[in-house]
C-alpha atoms as a PDB file:
ATOM      1  CA  MET A   1      12.995 -68.455  36.761  1.00  0.00           C
ATOM      2  CA  SER A   2      10.348 -71.103  36.113  1.00  0.00           C
ATOM      3  CA  VAL A   3       6.772 -70.680  37.354  1.00  0.00           C
ATOM      4  CA  SER A   4       5.101 -74.065  37.672  1.00  0.00           C
ATOM      5  CA  TYR A   5       1.802 -74.996  36.053  1.00  0.00           C
ATOM      6  CA  LYS A   6       0.452 -75.769  39.531  1.00  0.00           C
ATOM      7  CA  ASN A   7       1.239 -72.272  40.830  1.00  0.00           C
ATOM      8  CA  MET A   8      -0.156 -70.649  37.677  1.00  0.00           C
ATOM      9  CA  LEU A   9      -3.398 -72.589  38.122  1.00  0.00           C
ATOM     10  CA  ALA A  10      -3.544 -71.533  41.766  1.00  0.00           C
ATOM     11  CA  PHE A  11      -3.158 -67.868  40.783  1.00  0.00           C
ATOM     12  CA  VAL A  12      -5.990 -68.005  38.218  1.00  0.00           C
ATOM     13  CA  SER A  13      -8.272 -69.870  40.623  1.00  0.00           C
ATOM     14  CA  VAL A  14      -7.767 -67.337  43.405  1.00  0.00           C
ATOM     15  CA  ALA A  15      -8.242 -64.455  40.933  1.00  0.00           C
ATOM     16  CA  GLN A  16     -11.604 -65.911  39.908  1.00  0.00           C
ATOM     17  CA  SER A  17     -12.769 -66.573  43.486  1.00  0.00           C
ATOM     18  CA  ALA A  18     -13.975 -64.322  46.263  1.00  0.00           C
ATOM     19  CA  THR A  19     -11.801 -65.913  48.956  1.00  0.00           C
ATOM     20  CA  PHE A  20      -8.849 -68.256  49.385  1.00  0.00           C
ATOM     21  CA  ALA A  21     -11.223 -70.783  50.939  1.00  0.00           C
ATOM     22  CA  GLU A  22     -13.385 -70.842  47.809  1.00  0.00           C
ATOM     23  CA  ALA A  23     -10.339 -71.225  45.549  1.00  0.00           C
ATOM     24  CA  ALA A  24      -8.878 -73.972  47.740  1.00  0.00           C
ATOM     25  CA  GLU A  25     -12.134 -75.898  47.544  1.00  0.00           C
ATOM     26  CA  LYS A  26     -12.140 -75.676  43.718  1.00  0.00           C
ATOM     27  CA  LEU A  27      -8.588 -77.010  43.566  1.00  0.00           C
ATOM     28  CA  TYR A  28      -9.074 -79.653  46.264  1.00  0.00           C
ATOM     29  CA  LEU A  29      -6.220 -78.080  48.271  1.00  0.00           C
ATOM     30  CA  SER A  30      -5.896 -76.954  51.848  1.00  0.00           C
ATOM     31  CA  GLN A  31      -5.803 -73.189  52.383  1.00  0.00           C
ATOM     32  CA  PRO A  32      -2.225 -73.280  53.715  1.00  0.00           C
ATOM     33  CA  ALA A  33      -1.074 -75.200  50.626  1.00  0.00           C
ATOM     34  CA  LEU A  34      -2.809 -72.714  48.334  1.00  0.00           C
ATOM     35  CA  SER A  35      -1.332 -69.756  50.209  1.00  0.00           C
ATOM     36  CA  THR A  36       2.124 -71.290  49.869  1.00  0.00           C
ATOM     37  CA  SER A  37       1.685 -71.678  46.106  1.00  0.00           C
ATOM     38  CA  ILE A  38       0.697 -68.024  45.729  1.00  0.00           C
ATOM     39  CA  LYS A  39       3.566 -66.817  47.948  1.00  0.00           C
ATOM     40  CA  ASN A  40       6.068 -68.898  45.978  1.00  0.00           C
ATOM     41  CA  MET A  41       4.798 -67.450  42.722  1.00  0.00           C
ATOM     42  CA  GLU A  42       4.933 -63.878  44.024  1.00  0.00           C
ATOM     43  CA  THR A  43       8.495 -64.488  45.201  1.00  0.00           C
ATOM     44  CA  GLN A  44       9.464 -65.761  41.766  1.00  0.00           C
ATOM     45  CA  LEU A  45       7.830 -62.799  40.008  1.00  0.00           C
ATOM     46  CA  GLY A  46       9.190 -60.222  42.455  1.00  0.00           C
ATOM     47  CA  GLY A  47       5.989 -58.632  43.780  1.00  0.00           C
ATOM     48  CA  GLN A  48       2.476 -59.063  45.105  1.00  0.00           C
ATOM     49  CA  LEU A  49      -0.308 -60.325  42.845  1.00  0.00           C
ATOM     50  CA  PHE A  50      -3.073 -59.966  45.437  1.00  0.00           C
ATOM     51  CA  ALA A  51      -4.098 -57.357  47.991  1.00  0.00           C
ATOM     52  CA  ARG A  52      -5.424 -59.353  50.935  1.00  0.00           C
ATOM     53  CA  THR A  53      -8.011 -58.120  53.445  1.00  0.00           C
ATOM     54  CA  THR A  54      -9.834 -59.946  56.196  1.00  0.00           C
ATOM     55  CA  ARG A  55     -12.915 -60.363  54.042  1.00  0.00           C
ATOM     56  CA  LYS A  56     -11.763 -60.788  50.472  1.00  0.00           C
ATOM     57  CA  VAL A  57      -8.871 -61.070  48.062  1.00  0.00           C
ATOM     58  CA  MET A  58      -8.315 -58.495  45.302  1.00  0.00           C
ATOM     59  CA  LEU A  59      -5.854 -58.417  42.445  1.00  0.00           C
ATOM     60  CA  THR A  60      -3.142 -55.792  42.488  1.00  0.00           C
ATOM     61  CA  PRO A  61      -2.702 -53.761  39.262  1.00  0.00           C
ATOM     62  CA  GLU A  62       0.167 -56.070  38.371  1.00  0.00           C
ATOM     63  CA  GLY A  63      -2.019 -59.086  39.089  1.00  0.00           C
ATOM     64  CA  LYS A  64      -4.788 -57.724  36.845  1.00  0.00           C
ATOM     65  CA  ALA A  65      -2.302 -57.159  34.016  1.00  0.00           C
ATOM     66  CA  PHE A  66      -0.894 -60.665  34.376  1.00  0.00           C
ATOM     67  CA  LEU A  67      -4.234 -62.521  34.603  1.00  0.00           C
ATOM     68  CA  PRO A  68      -5.053 -62.656  30.839  1.00  0.00           C
ATOM     69  CA  THR A  69      -1.570 -63.966  30.096  1.00  0.00           C
ATOM     70  CA  ALA A  70      -1.838 -66.587  32.830  1.00  0.00           C
ATOM     71  CA  LYS A  71      -5.185 -67.788  31.438  1.00  0.00           C
ATOM     72  CA  ARG A  72      -3.725 -68.048  27.936  1.00  0.00           C
ATOM     73  CA  LEU A  73      -0.686 -69.988  29.146  1.00  0.00           C
ATOM     74  CA  ILE A  74      -2.893 -72.491  30.985  1.00  0.00           C
ATOM     75  CA  ALA A  75      -5.137 -72.895  27.925  1.00  0.00           C
ATOM     76  CA  ASP A  76      -2.089 -73.418  25.688  1.00  0.00           C
ATOM     77  CA  TRP A  77      -0.665 -75.978  28.113  1.00  0.00           C
ATOM     78  CA  ASP A  78      -3.952 -77.882  28.367  1.00  0.00           C
ATOM     79  CA  GLY A  79      -4.373 -77.770  24.592  1.00  0.00           C
ATOM     80  CA  ALA A  80      -0.861 -79.090  23.993  1.00  0.00           C
ATOM     81  CA  LEU A  81      -1.415 -81.985  26.408  1.00  0.00           C
ATOM     82  CA  SER A  82      -4.717 -82.805  24.721  1.00  0.00           C
ATOM     83  CA  ASP A  83      -3.074 -82.800  21.274  1.00  0.00           C
ATOM     84  CA  VAL A  84      -0.350 -85.193  22.409  1.00  0.00           C
ATOM     85  CA  GLN A  85      -2.874 -87.493  24.073  1.00  0.00           C
ATOM     86  CA  ASN A  86      -4.904 -87.547  20.851  1.00  0.00           C
ATOM     87  CA  LEU A  87      -1.787 -88.461  18.868  1.00  0.00           C
ATOM     88  CA  PHE A  88      -0.962 -91.304  21.231  1.00  0.00           C
ATOM     89  CA  SER A  89      -4.518 -92.587  21.099  1.00  0.00           C
ATOM     90  CA  VAL A  90      -4.577 -92.143  17.289  1.00  0.00           C
ATOM     91  CA  GLN A  91      -7.610 -89.864  17.504  1.00  0.00           C
ATOM     92  CA  GLN A  92      -6.048 -87.328  15.180  1.00  0.00           C
ATOM     93  CA  GLY A  93      -2.864 -86.825  13.187  1.00  0.00           C
ATOM     94  CA  ARG A  94      -1.380 -87.595   9.792  1.00  0.00           C
ATOM     95  CA  LEU A  95      -0.010 -90.742   8.180  1.00  0.00           C
ATOM     96  CA  THR A  96       2.092 -90.674   5.015  1.00  0.00           C
ATOM     97  CA  VAL A  97       2.802 -93.878   3.129  1.00  0.00           C
ATOM     98  CA  ALA A  98       4.813 -94.375  -0.046  1.00  0.00           C
ATOM     99  CA  ALA A  99       4.105 -97.247  -2.403  1.00  0.00           C
ATOM    100  CA  MET A 100       5.359 -98.405  -5.767  1.00  0.00           C
ATOM    101  CA  PRO A 101       2.525 -98.029  -8.327  1.00  0.00           C
ATOM    102  CA  SER A 102       2.052-101.791  -8.771  1.00  0.00           C
ATOM    103  CA  PHE A 103       1.180-102.066  -5.059  1.00  0.00           C
ATOM    104  CA  ALA A 104      -0.634 -98.730  -4.865  1.00  0.00           C
ATOM    105  CA  GLU A 105      -3.071 -99.616  -7.649  1.00  0.00           C
ATOM    106  CA  GLY A 106      -3.853-103.041  -6.244  1.00  0.00           C
ATOM    107  CA  HIS A 107      -3.439-103.976  -2.590  1.00  0.00           C
ATOM    108  CA  LEU A 108      -3.043-100.522  -1.051  1.00  0.00           C
ATOM    109  CA  ALA A 109      -6.634 -99.350  -1.481  1.00  0.00           C
ATOM    110  CA  GLY A 110      -7.991-102.181   0.665  1.00  0.00           C
ATOM    111  CA  VAL A 111      -5.281-101.677   3.276  1.00  0.00           C
ATOM    112  CA  MET A 112      -5.998 -97.962   3.613  1.00  0.00           C
ATOM    113  CA  ALA A 113      -9.770 -98.460   3.594  1.00  0.00           C
ATOM    114  CA  LEU A 114      -9.544-100.772   6.610  1.00  0.00           C
ATOM    115  CA  TYR A 115      -7.167 -98.401   8.384  1.00  0.00           C
ATOM    116  CA  HIS A 116      -9.473 -95.420   7.755  1.00  0.00           C
ATOM    117  CA  GLN A 117     -12.441 -97.397   9.062  1.00  0.00           C
ATOM    118  CA  GLN A 118     -10.603 -98.001  12.335  1.00  0.00           C
ATOM    119  CA  HIS A 119      -8.983 -94.558  12.597  1.00  0.00           C
ATOM    120  CA  PRO A 120     -11.245 -92.080  10.761  1.00  0.00           C
ATOM    121  CA  ASN A 121      -9.583 -88.959  12.185  1.00  0.00           C
ATOM    122  CA  ILE A 122      -6.138 -89.736  10.780  1.00  0.00           C
ATOM    123  CA  ARG A 123      -5.479 -87.789   7.583  1.00  0.00           C
ATOM    124  CA  LEU A 124      -3.907 -90.050   4.968  1.00  0.00           C
ATOM    125  CA  ARG A 125      -1.343 -89.109   2.329  1.00  0.00           C
ATOM    126  CA  VAL A 126      -0.041 -91.512  -0.307  1.00  0.00           C
ATOM    127  CA  LEU A 127       3.068 -91.106  -2.459  1.00  0.00           C
ATOM    128  CA  ASP A 128       2.792 -93.491  -5.430  1.00  0.00           C
ATOM    129  CA  VAL A 129       6.308 -93.480  -6.842  1.00  0.00           C
ATOM    130  CA  ILE A 130       8.820 -95.993  -8.190  1.00  0.00           C
ATOM    131  CA  MET A 131      10.507 -98.371  -5.772  1.00  0.00           C
ATOM    132  CA  GLU A 132      13.751 -96.416  -5.468  1.00  0.00           C
ATOM    133  CA  GLN A 133      11.832 -93.249  -4.595  1.00  0.00           C
ATOM    134  CA  VAL A 134       9.754 -95.125  -1.998  1.00  0.00           C
ATOM    135  CA  ILE A 135      12.946 -96.174  -0.229  1.00  0.00           C
ATOM    136  CA  GLU A 136      14.330 -92.635  -0.404  1.00  0.00           C
ATOM    137  CA  ALA A 137      11.084 -91.194   0.991  1.00  0.00           C
ATOM    138  CA  VAL A 138      11.224 -93.521   4.007  1.00  0.00           C
ATOM    139  CA  LEU A 139      14.911 -92.919   4.668  1.00  0.00           C
ATOM    140  CA  SER A 140      14.421 -89.143   4.446  1.00  0.00           C
ATOM    141  CA  LYS A 141      11.356 -89.450   6.732  1.00  0.00           C
ATOM    142  CA  ARG A 142       9.018 -87.913   4.147  1.00  0.00           C
ATOM    143  CA  ALA A 143       6.993 -91.117   4.462  1.00  0.00           C
ATOM    144  CA  ASP A 144       6.281 -93.126   7.620  1.00  0.00           C
ATOM    145  CA  ILE A 145       5.930 -96.507   5.885  1.00  0.00           C
ATOM    146  CA  GLY A 146       6.765 -97.715   2.372  1.00  0.00           C
ATOM    147  CA  PHE A 147       5.564-100.674   0.301  1.00  0.00           C
ATOM    148  CA  VAL A 148       8.203-102.187  -1.977  1.00  0.00           C
ATOM    149  CA  PHE A 149       9.940-105.337  -3.137  1.00  0.00           C
ATOM    150  CA  GLU A 150      12.471-106.449  -0.552  1.00  0.00           C
ATOM    151  CA  PRO A 151      15.393-104.005  -0.902  1.00  0.00           C
ATOM    152  CA  GLU A 152      18.818-105.433  -1.694  1.00  0.00           C
ATOM    153  CA  ASN A 153      20.338-102.961   0.774  1.00  0.00           C
ATOM    154  CA  LEU A 154      18.511-102.806   4.097  1.00  0.00           C
ATOM    155  CA  LYS A 155      20.869-100.309   5.730  1.00  0.00           C
ATOM    156  CA  GLY A 156      18.773 -97.938   7.837  1.00  0.00           C
ATOM    157  CA  LEU A 157      15.587 -99.892   7.129  1.00  0.00           C
ATOM    158  CA  ILE A 158      13.276-102.471   8.690  1.00  0.00           C
ATOM    159  CA  PHE A 159      11.532-104.819   6.243  1.00  0.00           C
ATOM    160  CA  HIS A 160       8.464-106.934   6.950  1.00  0.00           C
ATOM    161  CA  PRO A 161       7.348-109.344   4.163  1.00  0.00           C
ATOM    162  CA  LEU A 162       3.672-109.421   3.213  1.00  0.00           C
ATOM    163  CA  LEU A 163       3.561-111.627   0.110  1.00  0.00           C
ATOM    164  CA  THR A 164       5.658-113.289  -2.593  1.00  0.00           C
ATOM    165  CA  ASP A 165       5.212-112.031  -6.145  1.00  0.00           C
ATOM    166  CA  ASN A 166       5.851-114.100  -9.275  1.00  0.00           C
ATOM    167  CA  PHE A 167       6.750-112.074 -12.342  1.00  0.00           C
ATOM    168  CA  CYS A 168       4.719-112.696 -15.488  1.00  0.00           C
ATOM    169  CA  VAL A 169       4.783-111.898 -19.210  1.00  0.00           C
ATOM    170  CA  VAL A 170       2.411-109.247 -20.538  1.00  0.00           C
ATOM    171  CA  MET A 171       1.079-109.593 -24.075  1.00  0.00           C
ATOM    172  CA  ARG A 172      -1.928-108.693 -26.183  1.00  0.00           C
ATOM    173  CA  LYS A 173      -5.065-110.817 -26.105  1.00  0.00           C
ATOM    174  CA  ASP A 174      -4.641-111.717 -29.798  1.00  0.00           C
ATOM    175  CA  ASP A 175      -1.101-113.042 -29.269  1.00  0.00           C
ATOM    176  CA  ILE A 176      -0.668-116.742 -30.142  1.00  0.00           C
ATOM    177  CA  TYR A 177       0.747-117.328 -26.642  1.00  0.00           C
ATOM    178  CA  ALA A 178      -2.097-115.539 -24.829  1.00  0.00           C
ATOM    179  CA  ASN A 179      -3.922-118.780 -24.001  1.00  0.00           C
ATOM    180  CA  LYS A 180      -0.833-120.638 -22.798  1.00  0.00           C
ATOM    181  CA  LYS A 181      -0.624-121.665 -19.130  1.00  0.00           C
ATOM    182  CA  GLN A 182       2.998-120.501 -19.006  1.00  0.00           C
ATOM    183  CA  VAL A 183       5.798-119.163 -21.200  1.00  0.00           C
ATOM    184  CA  THR A 184       9.459-120.168 -21.154  1.00  0.00           C
ATOM    185  CA  LEU A 185      12.207-117.621 -20.725  1.00  0.00           C
ATOM    186  CA  GLU A 186      13.559-118.690 -24.147  1.00  0.00           C
ATOM    187  CA  HIS A 187      10.287-117.685 -25.788  1.00  0.00           C
ATOM    188  CA  VAL A 188      10.428-114.347 -24.000  1.00  0.00           C
ATOM    189  CA  ALA A 189      13.991-113.665 -25.131  1.00  0.00           C
ATOM    190  CA  ALA A 190      12.976-114.371 -28.728  1.00  0.00           C
ATOM    191  CA  HIS A 191      10.422-111.530 -28.685  1.00  0.00           C
ATOM    192  CA  PRO A 192      10.980-107.764 -28.798  1.00  0.00           C
ATOM    193  CA  LEU A 193      10.930-106.608 -25.184  1.00  0.00           C
ATOM    194  CA  LEU A 194       9.799-103.521 -23.309  1.00  0.00           C
ATOM    195  CA  MET A 195      11.723-103.055 -20.075  1.00  0.00           C
ATOM    196  CA  THR A 196      11.992-100.739 -17.114  1.00  0.00           C
ATOM    197  CA  ASN A 197      14.791 -98.195 -17.195  1.00  0.00           C
ATOM    198  CA  VAL A 198      18.417 -99.214 -16.774  1.00  0.00           C
ATOM    199  CA  GLY A 199      19.384 -98.862 -13.103  1.00  0.00           C
ATOM    200  CA  SER A 200      15.953 -99.726 -11.731  1.00  0.00           C
ATOM    201  CA  SER A 201      15.696-102.738  -9.440  1.00  0.00           C
ATOM    202  CA  ILE A 202      13.335-104.641 -11.761  1.00  0.00           C
ATOM    203  CA  ARG A 203      15.673-104.077 -14.725  1.00  0.00           C
ATOM    204  CA  ARG A 204      18.653-105.387 -12.747  1.00  0.00           C
ATOM    205  CA  TRP A 205      16.744-108.497 -11.730  1.00  0.00           C
ATOM    206  CA  LEU A 206      15.606-109.218 -15.288  1.00  0.00           C
ATOM    207  CA  ASP A 207      19.057-108.603 -16.771  1.00  0.00           C
ATOM    208  CA  ALA A 208      20.532-110.991 -14.186  1.00  0.00           C
ATOM    209  CA  VAL A 209      17.973-113.711 -15.040  1.00  0.00           C
ATOM    210  CA  PHE A 210      18.636-113.522 -18.806  1.00  0.00           C
ATOM    211  CA  GLU A 211      22.397-113.478 -18.198  1.00  0.00           C
ATOM    212  CA  ALA A 212      22.187-116.513 -15.902  1.00  0.00           C
ATOM    213  CA  HIS A 213      20.435-118.437 -18.696  1.00  0.00           C
ATOM    214  CA  ASN A 214      22.828-117.151 -21.378  1.00  0.00           C
ATOM    215  CA  LEU A 215      20.027-115.482 -23.303  1.00  0.00           C
ATOM    216  CA  GLU A 216      20.315-112.328 -25.384  1.00  0.00           C
ATOM    217  CA  THR A 217      17.380-109.962 -25.633  1.00  0.00           C
ATOM    218  CA  THR A 218      16.144-107.324 -28.055  1.00  0.00           C
ATOM    219  CA  ILE A 219      14.903-104.316 -26.101  1.00  0.00           C
ATOM    220  CA  VAL A 220      12.661-102.052 -28.150  1.00  0.00           C
ATOM    221  CA  ALA A 221      11.988 -99.422 -25.479  1.00  0.00           C
ATOM    222  CA  ASP A 222      12.250 -98.795 -21.764  1.00  0.00           C
ATOM    223  CA  ALA A 223      10.295 -96.634 -19.322  1.00  0.00           C
ATOM    224  CA  SER A 224      10.167 -95.916 -15.589  1.00  0.00           C
ATOM    225  CA  GLN A 225       6.487 -96.781 -15.106  1.00  0.00           C
ATOM    226  CA  LEU A 226       5.082-100.278 -15.611  1.00  0.00           C
ATOM    227  CA  GLY A 227       1.804 -98.748 -16.754  1.00  0.00           C
ATOM    228  CA  THR A 228       3.663 -97.087 -19.639  1.00  0.00           C
ATOM    229  CA  LEU A 229       5.161-100.443 -20.636  1.00  0.00           C
ATOM    230  CA  GLY A 230       1.643-101.855 -20.682  1.00  0.00           C
ATOM    231  CA  GLN A 231       0.571 -99.141 -23.111  1.00  0.00           C
ATOM    232  CA  PHE A 232       3.507-100.019 -25.371  1.00  0.00           C
ATOM    233  CA  VAL A 233       2.501-103.684 -25.275  1.00  0.00           C
ATOM    234  CA  LYS A 234      -1.068-102.728 -26.188  1.00  0.00           C
ATOM    235  CA  GLN A 235       0.244-100.922 -29.263  1.00  0.00           C
ATOM    236  CA  GLY A 236       2.041-104.083 -30.392  1.00  0.00           C
ATOM    237  CA  LEU A 237       5.639-103.038 -29.728  1.00  0.00           C
ATOM    238  CA  GLY A 238       6.458-106.314 -27.976  1.00  0.00           C
ATOM    239  CA  TRP A 239       6.181-108.192 -24.659  1.00  0.00           C
ATOM    240  CA  SER A 240       7.089-107.055 -21.192  1.00  0.00           C
ATOM    241  CA  ILE A 241       7.851-108.827 -17.914  1.00  0.00           C
ATOM    242  CA  VAL A 242       6.146-107.305 -14.895  1.00  0.00           C
ATOM    243  CA  PRO A 243       5.275-108.234 -11.303  1.00  0.00           C
ATOM    244  CA  GLN A 244       2.031-110.166 -10.951  1.00  0.00           C
ATOM    245  CA  LEU A 245       0.949-107.289  -8.731  1.00  0.00           C
ATOM    246  CA  CYS A 246       0.303-105.466 -12.009  1.00  0.00           C
ATOM    247  CA  GLU A 247      -2.087-108.084 -13.383  1.00  0.00           C
ATOM    248  CA  GLN A 248      -5.251-106.128 -12.595  1.00  0.00           C
ATOM    249  CA  GLN A 249      -3.709-102.972 -14.060  1.00  0.00           C
ATOM    250  CA  MET A 250      -2.733-104.817 -17.253  1.00  0.00           C
ATOM    251  CA  GLN A 251      -6.116-106.506 -17.596  1.00  0.00           C
ATOM    252  CA  ALA A 252      -7.709-103.055 -17.455  1.00  0.00           C
ATOM    253  CA  LYS A 253      -5.666-102.300 -20.597  1.00  0.00           C
ATOM    254  CA  GLU A 254      -7.127-105.480 -22.190  1.00  0.00           C
ATOM    255  CA  LEU A 255      -3.797-107.289 -21.913  1.00  0.00           C
ATOM    256  CA  VAL A 256      -2.994-110.831 -20.743  1.00  0.00           C
ATOM    257  CA  CYS A 257      -0.492-111.847 -18.058  1.00  0.00           C
ATOM    258  CA  VAL A 258       1.040-115.303 -18.601  1.00  0.00           C
ATOM    259  CA  PRO A 259       3.230-116.868 -15.863  1.00  0.00           C
ATOM    260  CA  LEU A 260       6.908-117.538 -16.515  1.00  0.00           C
ATOM    261  CA  LYS A 261       7.644-121.263 -16.554  1.00  0.00           C
ATOM    262  CA  GLY A 262       9.295-122.513 -13.378  1.00  0.00           C
ATOM    263  CA  GLY A 263       8.669-119.362 -11.389  1.00  0.00           C
ATOM    264  CA  ILE A 264      12.050-118.107 -12.548  1.00  0.00           C
ATOM    265  CA  LEU A 265      11.679-114.683 -10.973  1.00  0.00           C
ATOM    266  CA  GLN A 266      10.082-114.348  -7.522  1.00  0.00           C
ATOM    267  CA  LYS A 267      10.434-111.449  -5.122  1.00  0.00           C
ATOM    268  CA  ARG A 268       9.047-110.740  -1.664  1.00  0.00           C
ATOM    269  CA  VAL A 269       6.851-107.656  -1.286  1.00  0.00           C
ATOM    270  CA  GLY A 270       6.529-105.974   2.070  1.00  0.00           C
ATOM    271  CA  MET A 271       6.593-102.808   4.108  1.00  0.00           C
ATOM    272  CA  ILE A 272       9.601-100.796   5.163  1.00  0.00           C
ATOM    273  CA  ALA A 273      10.231 -98.212   7.866  1.00  0.00           C
ATOM    274  CA  THR A 274      13.335 -96.418   9.006  1.00  0.00           C
ATOM    275  CA  SER A 275      15.316 -98.165  11.714  1.00  0.00           C
ATOM    276  CA  GLN A 276      16.712 -94.835  12.911  1.00  0.00           C
ATOM    277  CA  GLU A 277      13.716 -93.746  14.970  1.00  0.00           C
ATOM    278  CA  ALA A 278      10.424 -95.055  16.319  1.00  0.00           C
ATOM    279  CA  LEU A 279       7.241 -94.953  14.290  1.00  0.00           C
ATOM    280  CA  SER A 280       4.517 -92.469  15.199  1.00  0.00           C
ATOM    281  CA  SER A 281       1.450 -93.874  16.936  1.00  0.00           C
ATOM    282  CA  ALA A 282      -0.538 -93.604  13.682  1.00  0.00           C
ATOM    283  CA  ALA A 283       2.142 -95.489  11.730  1.00  0.00           C
ATOM    284  CA  LYS A 284       2.470 -98.166  14.428  1.00  0.00           C
ATOM    285  CA  LYS A 285      -1.230 -98.925  14.073  1.00  0.00           C
ATOM    286  CA  LEU A 286      -0.902 -99.509  10.326  1.00  0.00           C
ATOM    287  CA  TRP A 287       2.231-101.623  10.773  1.00  0.00           C
ATOM    288  CA  ALA A 288       0.518-103.736  13.437  1.00  0.00           C
ATOM    289  CA  GLN A 289      -2.617-104.066  11.293  1.00  0.00           C
ATOM    290  CA  LEU A 290      -0.632-105.624   8.457  1.00  0.00           C
ATOM    291  CA  ALA A 291       1.830-107.529  10.635  1.00  0.00           C
ATOM    292  CA  ASP A 292      -1.047-109.130  12.580  1.00  0.00           C
ATOM    293  CA  GLU A 293      -2.560-110.321   9.328  1.00  0.00           C
ATOM    294  CA  HIS A 294       0.705-112.093   8.604  1.00  0.00           C
ATOM    295  CA  HIS A 295       1.203-113.478  12.137  1.00  0.00           C
ATOM    296  CA  ASN A 296       4.327-111.535  12.978  1.00  0.00           C
ATOM    297  CA  VAL A 297       3.916-108.280  14.867  1.00  0.00           C
ATOM    298  CA  MET A 298       6.852-105.837  14.729  1.00  0.00           C
ATOM    299  CA  GLU A 299       8.678-105.573  18.011  1.00  0.00           C
END
């Protein structure tokens, strides 16, 4: 048995009116159509909801008992429709993004500020985690959109490039190379190095670059966070190679970022989303905001 929203609305309207004619006028229905709706509902429920006289309509005891429930069901239905409409129009909702710290501490603040200005009722949540965890968060749907270097494995993902990042060498301000316009990879290999952990994407890329140039390195320490490597550099443990995205973060630690000669290591940075299901309306707005800025809107 399934009582329609239309019939439920007809029942409540008649219950709150003195006559069928008054209720029909409120609903913009003819009296015969309204009477049919009530009869259909009574048939479905198995008994009369109204006691009809020539002058007025009165609720039966069963009708009186059912009226509060009918009002609540209509309110719940209307509320649910309103909530969905608000989500589609991005008037309310939640947006979760994941970003590697180098992007989160630099570009992300401006991106989210513009988004919040345009959609102030969307509650924002940011996961600032390493690249591998950003990818996992998007694939597991804990985050709507992620900001990472272009993944080597795009299975289950959509990637949209936003910029190209050149890696640079981080050193102290008092280093003899601090005022150089660029540093060769040979000079880097000759210094004690601070690297990201084995197994991380950045570590694999750097190991591959040194191997391709037949250079051996002396690694003093490794860490998962680039900010931690910066602290090690500040204490004089050695140099580190980091994305240029980190330059502002490193400068805040009173360190210098010197470009690698020849742009030896470049990687695209962009946004990712799962290819397994459609983005929410809130996430689509952010994707379009950034894609429009780069002249290539996601289909």
